[in-house]
Protein backbone atom coordinates (compact mmCIF):
# COMPACT_ATOMS: atom_id res chain seq x y z
CA UNK A 1 22.38 7.86 2.50
CA UNK A 2 21.54 8.46 -1.17
CA UNK A 3 18.71 10.86 -1.88
CA UNK A 4 15.45 8.99 -2.46
CA UNK A 5 13.38 9.26 -5.64
CA UNK A 6 10.43 9.88 -3.31
CA UNK A 7 10.54 11.12 0.26
CA UNK A 8 7.25 10.71 2.11
CA UNK A 9 6.72 12.80 5.22
CA UNK A 10 4.25 11.14 7.58
CA UNK A 11 3.63 7.60 8.78
CA UNK A 12 -0.17 7.53 8.65
CA UNK A 13 -2.26 5.53 6.21
CA UNK A 14 -1.84 7.93 3.26
CA UNK A 15 1.92 8.27 3.70
CA UNK A 16 2.47 4.54 4.17
CA UNK A 17 0.26 3.57 1.24
CA UNK A 18 1.90 6.06 -1.12
CA UNK A 19 5.37 4.95 -0.04
CA UNK A 20 4.43 1.32 -0.61
CA UNK A 21 2.96 1.99 -4.06
CA UNK A 22 6.02 3.95 -5.15
CA UNK A 23 8.37 1.26 -3.81
CA UNK A 24 6.29 -1.44 -5.49
CA UNK A 25 6.80 0.36 -8.79
CA UNK A 26 10.56 0.38 -8.32
CA UNK A 27 11.21 3.85 -6.87
CA UNK A 28 13.76 4.45 -4.12
CA UNK A 29 11.57 5.46 -1.20
CA UNK A 30 12.26 7.07 2.15
CA UNK A 31 9.44 7.56 4.66
CA UNK A 32 10.05 9.90 7.59
CA UNK A 33 7.79 10.04 10.65
CA UNK A 34 8.50 12.62 13.35
CA UNK A 35 6.85 10.55 16.10
CA UNK A 36 5.95 6.90 15.53
CA UNK A 37 4.07 5.03 12.83
CA UNK A 38 0.34 5.52 13.34
CA UNK A 39 0.86 8.18 16.01
CA UNK A 40 -2.15 10.10 14.72
CA UNK A 41 -5.62 8.91 13.77
CA UNK A 42 -4.21 6.07 11.65
CA UNK A 43 -3.23 4.34 14.89
CA UNK A 44 -6.87 3.95 15.86
CA UNK A 45 -8.94 0.83 16.31
CA UNK A 46 -12.03 0.99 14.07
CA UNK A 47 -11.04 0.22 10.45
CA UNK A 48 -14.44 0.39 8.74
CA UNK A 49 -14.07 0.43 4.95
CA UNK A 50 -17.65 1.37 4.10
CA UNK A 51 -19.17 3.07 1.04
CA UNK A 52 -21.27 6.16 0.79
CA UNK A 53 -24.90 5.56 -0.18
CA UNK A 54 -25.37 4.72 -3.89
CA UNK A 55 -27.22 7.87 -4.96
CA UNK A 56 -26.42 11.48 -5.94
CA UNK A 57 -23.30 10.13 -7.62
CA UNK A 58 -20.23 12.37 -7.72
CA UNK A 59 -16.45 12.09 -8.23
CA UNK A 60 -15.85 11.44 -4.52
CA UNK A 61 -18.21 8.46 -4.46
CA UNK A 62 -16.81 7.11 -7.74
CA UNK A 63 -13.25 7.40 -6.42
CA UNK A 64 -14.24 5.65 -3.19
CA UNK A 65 -15.93 2.83 -5.12
CA UNK A 66 -12.79 2.26 -7.19
CA UNK A 67 -10.68 2.23 -4.04
CA UNK A 68 -12.91 -0.22 -2.19
CA UNK A 69 -12.88 -2.54 -5.20
CA UNK A 70 -9.06 -2.28 -5.37
CA UNK A 71 -8.66 -3.02 -1.66
CA UNK A 72 -8.63 -6.83 -1.75
CA UNK A 73 -5.77 -6.94 -4.26
CA UNK A 74 -3.90 -4.07 -2.61
CA UNK A 75 -3.92 -5.61 0.86
CA UNK A 76 -3.21 -9.13 -0.41
CA UNK A 77 -0.05 -7.85 -2.08
CA UNK A 78 0.98 -5.96 1.07
CA UNK A 79 0.43 -9.12 3.12
CA UNK A 80 2.49 -11.21 0.72
CA UNK A 81 5.38 -8.75 0.64
CA UNK A 82 5.41 -8.18 4.40
CA UNK A 83 4.41 -11.52 5.87
CA UNK A 84 2.00 -9.58 8.13
CA UNK A 85 -1.78 -9.99 8.10
CA UNK A 86 -3.38 -6.51 7.84
CA UNK A 87 -6.73 -7.90 8.97
CA UNK A 88 -8.53 -7.18 5.70
CA UNK A 89 -11.79 -8.98 4.94
CA UNK A 90 -14.74 -7.99 2.77
CA UNK A 91 -17.63 -9.29 4.87
CA UNK A 92 -20.29 -6.67 4.17
CA UNK A 93 -22.38 -4.55 6.48
CA UNK A 94 -25.83 -4.58 8.10
CA UNK A 95 -27.94 -1.51 8.91
CA UNK A 96 -31.33 -1.52 10.65
CA UNK A 97 -34.23 0.38 9.06
CA UNK A 98 -36.19 2.53 11.46
CA UNK A 99 -39.48 3.04 9.61
CA UNK A 100 -41.33 2.35 6.39
CA UNK A 101 -39.95 5.49 4.75
CA UNK A 102 -36.44 4.21 5.40
CA UNK A 103 -37.38 0.83 3.90
CA UNK A 104 -38.67 2.51 0.75
CA UNK A 105 -35.59 4.71 0.46
CA UNK A 106 -33.31 1.69 0.91
CA UNK A 107 -35.16 -0.07 -1.91
CA UNK A 108 -34.56 2.90 -4.20
CA UNK A 109 -30.90 2.86 -3.31
CA UNK A 110 -30.73 -0.84 -4.14
CA UNK A 111 -31.82 0.03 -7.67
CA UNK A 112 -29.16 2.74 -7.79
CA UNK A 113 -26.43 0.40 -6.58
CA UNK A 114 -27.25 -2.10 -9.30
CA UNK A 115 -26.00 0.37 -11.88
CA UNK A 116 -23.59 2.63 -10.01
CA UNK A 117 -21.64 -0.23 -8.42
CA UNK A 118 -21.24 -1.86 -11.85
CA UNK A 119 -22.41 -5.27 -10.68
CA UNK A 120 -19.39 -5.62 -8.40
CA UNK A 121 -21.35 -5.45 -5.14
CA UNK A 122 -24.94 -5.45 -3.89
CA UNK A 123 -27.06 -3.15 -1.72
CA UNK A 124 -30.24 -4.97 -0.76
CA UNK A 125 -33.08 -5.02 1.74
CA UNK A 126 -33.24 -8.30 3.66
CA UNK A 127 -35.32 -9.65 6.56
CA UNK A 128 -33.85 -9.05 10.01
CA UNK A 129 -32.56 -12.11 11.81
CA UNK A 130 -32.06 -12.98 15.44
CA UNK A 131 -28.60 -14.58 15.28
CA UNK A 132 -26.93 -12.97 18.28
CA UNK A 133 -25.05 -10.48 16.10
CA UNK A 134 -27.41 -8.63 13.77
CA UNK A 135 -29.00 -5.49 15.22
CA UNK A 136 -32.65 -5.20 16.13
CA UNK A 137 -34.68 -3.46 13.43
CA UNK A 138 -38.07 -1.86 14.26
CA UNK A 139 -39.35 -2.62 10.76
CA UNK A 140 -38.05 -6.18 10.62
CA UNK A 141 -35.78 -5.23 7.70
CA UNK A 142 -32.07 -4.57 7.29
CA UNK A 143 -29.87 -3.09 4.62
CA UNK A 144 -27.16 -5.55 3.63
CA UNK A 145 -24.34 -4.39 1.39
CA UNK A 146 -21.55 -6.60 0.11
CA UNK A 147 -19.07 -3.80 -0.63
CA UNK A 148 -18.11 -2.91 2.95
CA UNK A 149 -14.92 -4.42 4.32
CA UNK A 150 -12.85 -4.20 7.45
CA UNK A 151 -9.18 -3.67 8.23
CA UNK A 152 -7.19 -3.68 11.47
CA UNK A 153 -5.57 -0.20 11.42
CA UNK A 154 -2.51 -1.05 13.51
CA UNK A 155 -1.89 -4.37 11.78
CA UNK A 156 -2.27 -2.64 8.41
CA UNK A 157 0.34 -0.02 9.36
CA UNK A 158 2.73 -2.72 10.56
CA UNK A 159 2.23 -4.65 7.31
CA UNK A 160 2.88 -1.57 5.17
CA UNK A 161 6.12 -0.76 7.01
CA UNK A 162 7.38 -4.31 6.53
CA UNK A 163 6.31 -4.31 2.86
CA UNK A 164 8.09 -1.01 2.15
CA UNK A 165 11.28 -2.32 3.74
CA UNK A 166 10.97 -5.59 1.83
CA UNK A 167 11.10 -3.54 -1.39
CA UNK A 168 14.25 -1.75 -0.21
CA UNK A 169 12.54 1.35 1.14
CA UNK A 170 13.65 3.16 4.29
CA UNK A 171 11.23 3.91 7.13
CA UNK A 172 12.45 6.23 9.89
CA UNK A 173 10.62 7.14 13.11
CA UNK A 174 11.21 9.75 15.81
CA UNK A 175 12.80 12.22 13.38
CA UNK A 176 12.40 15.60 15.06
CA UNK A 177 13.47 17.70 12.07
CA UNK A 178 12.72 16.93 8.40
CA UNK A 179 15.78 16.04 6.32
CA UNK A 180 17.29 19.14 4.69
CA UNK A 181 16.71 17.84 1.18
CA UNK A 182 12.93 17.96 1.52
CA UNK A 183 13.07 21.76 1.36
CA UNK A 184 15.10 21.81 -1.84
CA UNK A 185 13.46 22.97 -5.07
CA UNK A 186 15.85 20.97 -7.19
CA UNK A 187 13.98 18.20 -8.98
CA UNK A 188 17.10 16.04 -9.22
CA UNK A 189 16.90 15.52 -5.48
CA UNK A 190 13.60 13.70 -5.78
CA UNK A 191 10.04 14.62 -4.92
CA UNK A 192 8.51 15.03 -1.49
CA UNK A 193 5.00 14.01 -0.48
CA UNK A 194 3.63 15.63 2.67
CA UNK A 195 1.12 13.28 4.30
CA UNK A 196 1.30 14.75 7.77
CA UNK A 197 -2.33 14.78 8.87
CA UNK A 198 -3.67 17.45 11.20
CA UNK A 199 -0.27 19.11 11.62
CA UNK A 200 0.10 19.19 7.84
CA UNK A 201 -3.24 20.94 7.41
CA UNK A 202 -2.07 23.60 9.86
CA UNK A 203 1.26 24.00 8.03
CA UNK A 204 -0.43 24.27 4.65
CA UNK A 205 -2.98 26.76 5.99
CA UNK A 206 -0.19 28.95 7.36
CA UNK A 207 1.79 28.74 4.13
CA UNK A 208 -1.17 29.65 1.94
CA UNK A 209 -2.61 32.26 4.28
CA UNK A 210 -6.03 30.65 4.55
CA UNK A 211 -7.56 27.72 6.36
CA UNK A 212 -7.69 24.58 4.23
CA UNK A 213 -8.87 22.15 6.89
CA UNK A 214 -8.82 21.22 10.54
CA UNK A 215 -8.85 18.29 12.93
CA UNK A 216 -11.99 16.56 14.13
CA UNK A 217 -11.67 14.43 17.24
CA UNK A 218 -13.05 10.90 17.42
CA UNK A 219 -13.42 8.45 20.30
CA UNK A 220 -13.80 4.69 19.98
CA UNK A 221 -13.85 1.54 22.12
CA UNK A 222 -12.46 -1.94 21.68
CA UNK A 223 -14.32 -4.97 23.04
CA UNK A 224 -13.06 -8.48 23.71
CA UNK A 225 -15.42 -10.41 21.44
CA UNK A 226 -14.62 -13.14 18.92
CA UNK A 227 -16.65 -12.37 15.78
CA UNK A 228 -14.05 -12.38 13.01
CA UNK A 229 -16.37 -13.71 10.29
CA UNK A 230 -19.32 -11.42 11.03
CA UNK A 231 -20.32 -8.39 8.94
CA UNK A 232 -19.85 -4.93 10.37
CA UNK A 233 -22.86 -3.01 11.68
CA UNK A 234 -23.85 0.61 11.19
CA UNK A 235 -26.62 2.58 12.89
CA UNK A 236 -26.99 6.17 14.02
CA UNK A 237 -23.51 7.07 12.82
CA UNK A 238 -21.91 4.26 14.85
CA UNK A 239 -19.71 1.60 13.25
CA UNK A 240 -19.30 -1.80 14.92
CA UNK A 241 -16.40 -3.62 13.29
CA UNK A 242 -15.27 -7.19 14.08
CA UNK A 243 -11.54 -7.80 13.71
CA UNK A 244 -9.49 -10.89 12.96
CA UNK A 245 -7.82 -10.94 16.38
CA UNK A 246 -10.84 -11.61 18.62
CA UNK A 247 -11.79 -7.97 19.14
CA UNK A 248 -14.66 -5.76 18.02
CA UNK A 249 -14.29 -2.01 17.62
CA UNK A 250 -17.06 0.55 17.99
CA UNK A 251 -16.73 4.16 16.90
CA UNK A 252 -16.66 6.95 16.55
CA UNK A 253 -17.65 10.36 17.79
CA UNK A 254 -17.13 13.51 15.70
CA UNK A 255 -16.05 16.45 17.82
CA UNK A 256 -15.02 19.75 16.27
CA UNK A 257 -14.57 21.40 19.66
CA UNK A 258 -12.41 19.61 22.22
CA UNK A 259 -9.89 20.39 24.94
CA UNK A 260 -7.60 17.37 24.72
CA UNK A 261 -6.78 15.31 21.66
CA UNK A 262 -6.19 11.99 23.38
CA UNK A 263 -8.60 12.07 26.31
CA UNK A 264 -11.81 10.05 26.49
CA UNK A 265 -14.90 11.22 28.33
CA UNK A 266 -18.63 10.71 28.81
CA UNK A 267 -19.23 10.80 25.05
CA UNK A 268 -17.31 7.56 24.72
CA UNK A 269 -19.26 5.99 27.57
CA UNK A 270 -22.48 6.89 25.73
CA UNK A 271 -21.03 5.36 22.56
CA UNK A 272 -20.22 2.15 24.44
CA UNK A 273 -23.79 1.96 25.75
CA UNK A 274 -25.13 2.47 22.22
CA UNK A 275 -22.87 -0.26 20.84
CA UNK A 276 -24.07 -2.69 23.50
CA UNK A 277 -27.72 -1.92 22.68
CA UNK A 278 -27.07 -2.23 18.95
CA UNK A 279 -25.17 -5.52 18.94
CA UNK A 280 -26.34 -8.42 21.15
CA UNK A 281 -22.85 -9.97 21.24
CA UNK A 282 -21.42 -6.88 22.93
CA UNK A 283 -23.86 -6.65 25.84
CA UNK A 284 -21.57 -8.50 28.23
CA UNK A 285 -18.27 -8.09 26.40
CA UNK A 286 -15.43 -6.41 28.27
CA UNK A 287 -14.08 -3.09 27.02
CA UNK A 288 -10.33 -3.60 26.71
CA UNK A 289 -9.32 -0.23 25.25
CA UNK A 290 -10.67 3.29 25.04
CA UNK A 291 -9.13 5.37 22.24
CA UNK A 292 -9.27 9.00 21.15
CA UNK A 293 -7.51 10.84 18.35
CA UNK A 294 -7.85 13.72 15.93
CA UNK A 295 -8.54 13.07 12.24
CA UNK A 296 -7.57 15.47 9.42
CA UNK A 297 -10.59 16.91 7.60
CA UNK A 298 -10.00 19.06 4.52
CA UNK A 299 -12.27 22.03 3.90
CA UNK A 300 -13.56 20.33 0.73
CA UNK A 301 -14.48 17.20 2.78
CA UNK A 302 -12.64 15.09 0.19
CA UNK A 303 -9.00 13.99 0.38
CA UNK A 304 -6.64 16.78 -0.62
CA UNK A 305 -4.20 15.64 -3.31
CA UNK A 306 -1.75 17.30 -5.65
CA UNK A 307 1.11 19.76 -5.86
CA UNK A 308 1.92 22.07 -2.95
CA UNK A 309 1.34 25.54 -4.46
CA UNK A 310 4.62 27.40 -4.89
CA UNK A 311 6.87 24.48 -3.96
CA UNK A 312 8.38 22.75 -6.96
CA UNK A 313 8.58 18.98 -6.57
CA UNK A 314 6.52 18.92 -3.38
CA UNK A 315 3.08 17.38 -3.04
CA UNK A 316 0.20 17.02 -0.59
CA UNK A 317 -1.81 13.93 0.39
CA UNK A 318 -4.06 14.78 3.31
CA UNK A 319 -7.63 14.97 4.56
CA UNK A 320 -8.51 11.29 4.89
CA UNK A 321 -10.81 12.08 7.82
CA UNK A 322 -13.10 9.05 8.43
CA UNK A 323 -12.51 7.38 5.07
CA UNK A 324 -8.74 7.39 4.84
CA UNK A 325 -8.26 3.62 5.05
CA UNK A 326 -10.97 3.03 2.47
CA UNK A 327 -9.52 5.64 0.10
CA UNK A 328 -5.89 4.60 0.58
CA UNK A 329 -5.42 2.14 -2.34
CA UNK A 330 -6.71 4.62 -4.91
CA UNK A 331 -4.98 7.60 -3.29
CA UNK A 332 -1.70 5.66 -3.42
CA UNK A 333 -2.15 4.81 -7.10
CA UNK A 334 -3.10 8.36 -8.13
CA UNK A 335 -0.25 9.95 -6.18
CA UNK A 336 2.30 7.45 -7.52
CA UNK A 337 1.09 8.22 -11.05
CA UNK A 338 1.58 11.92 -10.36
CA UNK A 339 4.96 11.95 -8.63
CA UNK A 340 6.63 9.17 -10.63
CA UNK A 341 5.15 9.61 -14.10
CA UNK A 342 3.69 13.11 -14.12
CA UNK A 343 0.25 11.69 -14.91
CA UNK A 344 -2.49 13.72 -13.23
CA UNK A 345 -5.63 11.67 -12.58
CA UNK A 346 -6.82 13.59 -9.50
CA UNK A 347 -10.62 13.95 -9.70
CA UNK A 348 -12.56 17.17 -9.40
CA UNK A 349 -12.97 18.23 -5.79
CA UNK A 350 -9.79 16.51 -4.59
CA UNK A 351 -7.20 19.09 -5.58
CA UNK A 352 -5.44 21.28 -3.06
CA UNK A 353 -6.94 24.37 -4.68
CA UNK A 354 -10.45 22.98 -4.08
CA UNK A 355 -9.94 23.62 -0.36
CA UNK A 356 -8.79 27.22 -0.81
């Protein structure tokens, strides 16, 4: 086949989103996945698109805000091009407040959100309600934000593949060896974007002679529970996310030390018990899937974007960790600007060199 303008290595959320954005802009795109689409952490079940708290503002939080605000348009266009529903909905999020100090702090953050979120979403303190979904709050108050959204990870990946192909792009799976042209330094043969997750962090670390990131394992559970129009819940680091297909996901753990990448254990059982205690609707709901996977976390804790040092025409998009789906629309736009137009809009803290 003809050499692509852009070859994307990796079929996770960053690779798929970048390939789609480049194809949408008219580039000839080829995406190559050595296993299957969503084989890594992007094939999970949670899909919480949730913001950081609106305080101590920094480039990472500003980038995330832009991406979350772009998400509705991004996923609507993917759905239209593909004919596949990615399960996106911006339904907000509820968080219980444990004590009066937490109530006061939440009120201060509401004031911060009014300015930092530019009037595009709210963070507010509201009375708790007994509606069979909302979590119990010891203070009788909840945080409600209107910026959080949800996405079905597997449906989103399927939609992106179909959208890329609808624009004439090529998506290949089960490719054991990268195409020879991706190792060429000749610009005329197109650019290469490496979005290869945990394996990519290891490859980059070896190439640069220093560790730039590592994998962090997560476990999650999927319940049979019809709650598609409910907001997501968050408490004690646990996300409870209702999906459009009659399921609710709960996750996830964060494990830096682990023996097996895909195995579930007693930590997931504890998570399931916590989810049942947090959300009344889950108390008797059946668990229909237990999932585990390893997420790529860059040393900088922000996504790692930009040129691969020492490799002309080759680029990195990695380190999505827990916020990859939420960051994907903006990551795709910034990387397409860079590889197609040479326009560098990568924020401070996101560059490959920031993880060195």
